[in-house]
Amino acid sequence: MNEKRMMKQITAIFGVFMTFFYVGIGLYVALSGAFNIDKAVTSLFGFTFVFYGIYRGFRSFQLIRDVFFSREEEDDNKG
């Protein structure tokens, strides 16, 4: 396995953990009420994190599909 492919695999796995982090932090901020800021601001800020986490999860899924489930011959032909 070459180093470039291994680095992409590590990046893909890290992306999954970051997806859970963003969604978790977003839900905590939006729904907890632990901050003394206006509810609309915390909801907007929290759900922005949630939506970014969903986007990041989609991109991580695509990267995992490409890196883990593609044949190495295809990667060699791409350059």
N, C-alpha and C. Protein backbone atom coordinates (compact mmCIF):
# COMPACT_ATOMS: atom_id res chain seq x y z
N MET A 1 0.85 -1.17 0.00
CA MET A 1 0.00 0.00 0.00
C MET A 1 0.90 1.24 0.00
N ASN A 2 0.62 2.16 -0.86
CA ASN A 2 1.47 3.34 -0.91
C ASN A 2 1.05 4.36 0.16
N GLU A 3 1.95 5.30 0.43
CA GLU A 3 1.73 6.24 1.52
C GLU A 3 0.58 7.21 1.23
N LYS A 4 0.40 7.56 -0.02
CA LYS A 4 -0.68 8.49 -0.37
C LYS A 4 -2.04 7.87 -0.08
N ARG A 5 -2.20 6.60 -0.44
CA ARG A 5 -3.47 5.92 -0.19
C ARG A 5 -3.70 5.75 1.31
N MET A 6 -2.64 5.42 2.06
CA MET A 6 -2.79 5.27 3.50
C MET A 6 -3.16 6.59 4.16
N MET A 7 -2.59 7.68 3.69
CA MET A 7 -2.93 8.99 4.25
C MET A 7 -4.39 9.35 3.95
N LYS A 8 -4.87 9.00 2.76
CA LYS A 8 -6.28 9.24 2.44
C LYS A 8 -7.19 8.41 3.34
N GLN A 9 -6.78 7.19 3.67
CA GLN A 9 -7.59 6.35 4.56
C GLN A 9 -7.65 6.94 5.96
N ILE A 10 -6.52 7.43 6.45
CA ILE A 10 -6.50 8.06 7.77
C ILE A 10 -7.37 9.31 7.77
N THR A 11 -7.30 10.10 6.71
CA THR A 11 -8.12 11.30 6.59
C THR A 11 -9.61 10.95 6.56
N ALA A 12 -9.96 9.87 5.88
CA ALA A 12 -11.36 9.45 5.80
C ALA A 12 -11.88 9.04 7.18
N ILE A 13 -11.09 8.30 7.92
CA ILE A 13 -11.51 7.87 9.26
C ILE A 13 -11.62 9.06 10.20
N PHE A 14 -10.66 9.98 10.12
CA PHE A 14 -10.72 11.20 10.93
C PHE A 14 -11.96 12.02 10.59
N GLY A 15 -12.34 12.03 9.32
CA GLY A 15 -13.54 12.75 8.91
C GLY A 15 -14.81 12.21 9.55
N VAL A 16 -14.86 10.90 9.76
CA VAL A 16 -16.03 10.30 10.42
C VAL A 16 -16.11 10.77 11.87
N PHE A 17 -14.97 10.78 12.57
CA PHE A 17 -14.97 11.26 13.95
C PHE A 17 -15.35 12.73 14.03
N MET A 18 -14.87 13.52 13.09
CA MET A 18 -15.22 14.93 13.09
C MET A 18 -16.69 15.16 12.77
N THR A 19 -17.28 14.28 11.98
CA THR A 19 -18.71 14.36 11.70
C THR A 19 -19.51 14.23 12.99
N PHE A 20 -19.18 13.22 13.78
CA PHE A 20 -19.87 13.04 15.07
C PHE A 20 -19.62 14.21 16.00
N PHE A 21 -18.41 14.76 15.98
CA PHE A 21 -18.10 15.91 16.82
C PHE A 21 -18.95 17.11 16.45
N TYR A 22 -19.00 17.45 15.16
CA TYR A 22 -19.77 18.62 14.73
C TYR A 22 -21.26 18.45 15.01
N VAL A 23 -21.80 17.28 14.73
CA VAL A 23 -23.23 17.07 14.99
C VAL A 23 -23.51 17.12 16.49
N GLY A 24 -22.64 16.51 17.28
CA GLY A 24 -22.84 16.51 18.73
C GLY A 24 -22.75 17.90 19.33
N ILE A 25 -21.73 18.65 18.96
CA ILE A 25 -21.58 20.02 19.47
C ILE A 25 -22.75 20.89 19.01
N GLY A 26 -23.15 20.71 17.76
CA GLY A 26 -24.27 21.50 17.26
C GLY A 26 -25.56 21.24 18.01
N LEU A 27 -25.85 19.97 18.26
CA LEU A 27 -27.06 19.64 19.02
C LEU A 27 -26.97 20.15 20.45
N TYR A 28 -25.79 20.04 21.04
CA TYR A 28 -25.63 20.53 22.42
C TYR A 28 -25.86 22.04 22.49
N VAL A 29 -25.26 22.77 21.58
CA VAL A 29 -25.40 24.23 21.61
C VAL A 29 -26.84 24.64 21.30
N ALA A 30 -27.46 23.98 20.33
CA ALA A 30 -28.80 24.39 19.91
C ALA A 30 -29.88 24.01 20.92
N LEU A 31 -29.71 22.89 21.61
CA LEU A 31 -30.81 22.39 22.43
C LEU A 31 -30.59 22.47 23.94
N SER A 32 -29.39 22.75 24.38
CA SER A 32 -29.13 22.66 25.81
C SER A 32 -29.60 23.87 26.60
N GLY A 33 -29.45 25.06 26.07
CA GLY A 33 -29.81 26.26 26.81
C GLY A 33 -28.80 26.59 27.89
N ALA A 34 -27.59 26.07 27.80
CA ALA A 34 -26.57 26.28 28.82
C ALA A 34 -25.87 27.62 28.68
N PHE A 35 -26.15 28.35 27.64
CA PHE A 35 -25.47 29.62 27.40
C PHE A 35 -26.44 30.76 27.65
N ASN A 36 -25.92 31.86 28.16
CA ASN A 36 -26.76 33.03 28.45
C ASN A 36 -26.80 33.97 27.24
N ILE A 37 -27.13 33.38 26.10
CA ILE A 37 -27.24 34.15 24.86
C ILE A 37 -28.67 33.94 24.35
N ASP A 38 -29.10 34.80 23.48
CA ASP A 38 -30.44 34.71 22.91
C ASP A 38 -30.66 33.33 22.29
N LYS A 39 -31.82 32.76 22.49
CA LYS A 39 -32.14 31.42 22.00
C LYS A 39 -32.03 31.33 20.48
N ALA A 40 -32.40 32.37 19.77
CA ALA A 40 -32.32 32.35 18.31
C ALA A 40 -30.86 32.26 17.84
N VAL A 41 -29.98 32.95 18.53
CA VAL A 41 -28.56 32.93 18.15
C VAL A 41 -27.97 31.55 18.41
N THR A 42 -28.25 30.98 19.58
CA THR A 42 -27.70 29.65 19.88
C THR A 42 -28.28 28.58 18.95
N SER A 43 -29.55 28.71 18.60
CA SER A 43 -30.14 27.76 17.66
C SER A 43 -29.51 27.87 16.29
N LEU A 44 -29.34 29.10 15.82
CA LEU A 44 -28.71 29.31 14.52
C LEU A 44 -27.28 28.78 14.51
N PHE A 45 -26.53 29.09 15.54
CA PHE A 45 -25.16 28.64 15.65
C PHE A 45 -25.09 27.11 15.75
N GLY A 46 -25.94 26.53 16.58
CA GLY A 46 -25.95 25.08 16.77
C GLY A 46 -26.35 24.32 15.52
N PHE A 47 -27.41 24.74 14.88
CA PHE A 47 -27.86 24.02 13.68
C PHE A 47 -26.94 24.25 12.49
N THR A 48 -26.17 25.34 12.50
CA THR A 48 -25.13 25.51 11.49
C THR A 48 -24.08 24.42 11.64
N PHE A 49 -23.70 24.14 12.90
CA PHE A 49 -22.77 23.04 13.16
C PHE A 49 -23.36 21.70 12.72
N VAL A 50 -24.63 21.49 12.99
CA VAL A 50 -25.28 20.22 12.62
C VAL A 50 -25.27 20.05 11.10
N PHE A 51 -25.65 21.08 10.39
CA PHE A 51 -25.69 20.97 8.93
C PHE A 51 -24.29 20.80 8.34
N TYR A 52 -23.30 21.47 8.93
CA TYR A 52 -21.93 21.28 8.47
C TYR A 52 -21.47 19.85 8.77
N GLY A 53 -21.87 19.31 9.91
CA GLY A 53 -21.53 17.93 10.24
C GLY A 53 -22.15 16.95 9.26
N ILE A 54 -23.39 17.20 8.84
CA ILE A 54 -24.04 16.35 7.85
C ILE A 54 -23.30 16.43 6.51
N TYR A 55 -22.93 17.64 6.12
CA TYR A 55 -22.17 17.81 4.88
C TYR A 55 -20.83 17.09 4.98
N ARG A 56 -20.16 17.24 6.10
CA ARG A 56 -18.86 16.58 6.30
C ARG A 56 -19.03 15.07 6.29
N GLY A 57 -20.11 14.57 6.85
CA GLY A 57 -20.37 13.13 6.82
C GLY A 57 -20.58 12.62 5.41
N PHE A 58 -21.29 13.38 4.60
CA PHE A 58 -21.49 12.98 3.21
C PHE A 58 -20.17 12.93 2.46
N ARG A 59 -19.32 13.95 2.65
CA ARG A 59 -18.01 13.96 1.99
C ARG A 59 -17.13 12.82 2.50
N SER A 60 -17.21 12.53 3.79
CA SER A 60 -16.43 11.41 4.35
C SER A 60 -16.90 10.09 3.78
N PHE A 61 -18.20 9.94 3.62
CA PHE A 61 -18.73 8.71 3.02
C PHE A 61 -18.20 8.52 1.61
N GLN A 62 -18.18 9.61 0.83
CA GLN A 62 -17.64 9.52 -0.52
C GLN A 62 -16.17 9.16 -0.52
N LEU A 63 -15.41 9.76 0.38
CA LEU A 63 -13.98 9.47 0.45
C LEU A 63 -13.73 8.03 0.90
N ILE A 64 -14.49 7.55 1.87
CA ILE A 64 -14.35 6.16 2.32
C ILE A 64 -14.69 5.20 1.18
N ARG A 65 -15.74 5.49 0.46
CA ARG A 65 -16.12 4.64 -0.67
C ARG A 65 -15.01 4.60 -1.72
N ASP A 66 -14.42 5.75 -2.01
CA ASP A 66 -13.37 5.80 -3.02
C ASP A 66 -12.07 5.15 -2.55
N VAL A 67 -11.69 5.37 -1.31
CA VAL A 67 -10.39 4.91 -0.83
C VAL A 67 -10.42 3.44 -0.42
N PHE A 68 -11.45 3.02 0.28
CA PHE A 68 -11.47 1.67 0.81
C PHE A 68 -12.07 0.65 -0.15
N PHE A 69 -12.96 1.05 -1.01
CA PHE A 69 -13.68 0.10 -1.84
C PHE A 69 -13.36 0.21 -3.33
N SER A 70 -12.26 0.82 -3.66
CA SER A 70 -11.84 0.86 -5.06
C SER A 70 -10.60 -0.02 -5.21
N ARG A 71 -10.42 -0.53 -6.39
CA ARG A 71 -9.26 -1.37 -6.63
C ARG A 71 -8.03 -0.50 -6.81
N GLU A 72 -6.88 -1.04 -6.48
CA GLU A 72 -5.65 -0.26 -6.57
C GLU A 72 -5.24 -0.01 -8.01
N GLU A 73 -5.66 -0.86 -8.94
CA GLU A 73 -5.32 -0.64 -10.34
C GLU A 73 -5.96 0.65 -10.84
N GLU A 74 -7.17 0.95 -10.37
CA GLU A 74 -7.84 2.17 -10.77
C GLU A 74 -7.07 3.38 -10.25
N ASP A 75 -6.54 3.28 -9.02
CA ASP A 75 -5.78 4.39 -8.46
C ASP A 75 -4.48 4.61 -9.22
N ASP A 76 -3.85 3.53 -9.67
CA ASP A 76 -2.61 3.67 -10.41
C ASP A 76 -2.84 4.34 -11.76
N ASN A 77 -3.98 4.09 -12.37
CA ASN A 77 -4.28 4.69 -13.67
C ASN A 77 -4.63 6.17 -13.56
N LYS A 78 -5.13 6.60 -12.39
CA LYS A 78 -5.52 7.99 -12.20
C LYS A 78 -4.32 8.91 -12.09
N GLY A 79 -3.22 8.39 -11.68
CA GLY A 79 -2.05 9.25 -11.64
C GLY A 79 -1.42 9.26 -10.34
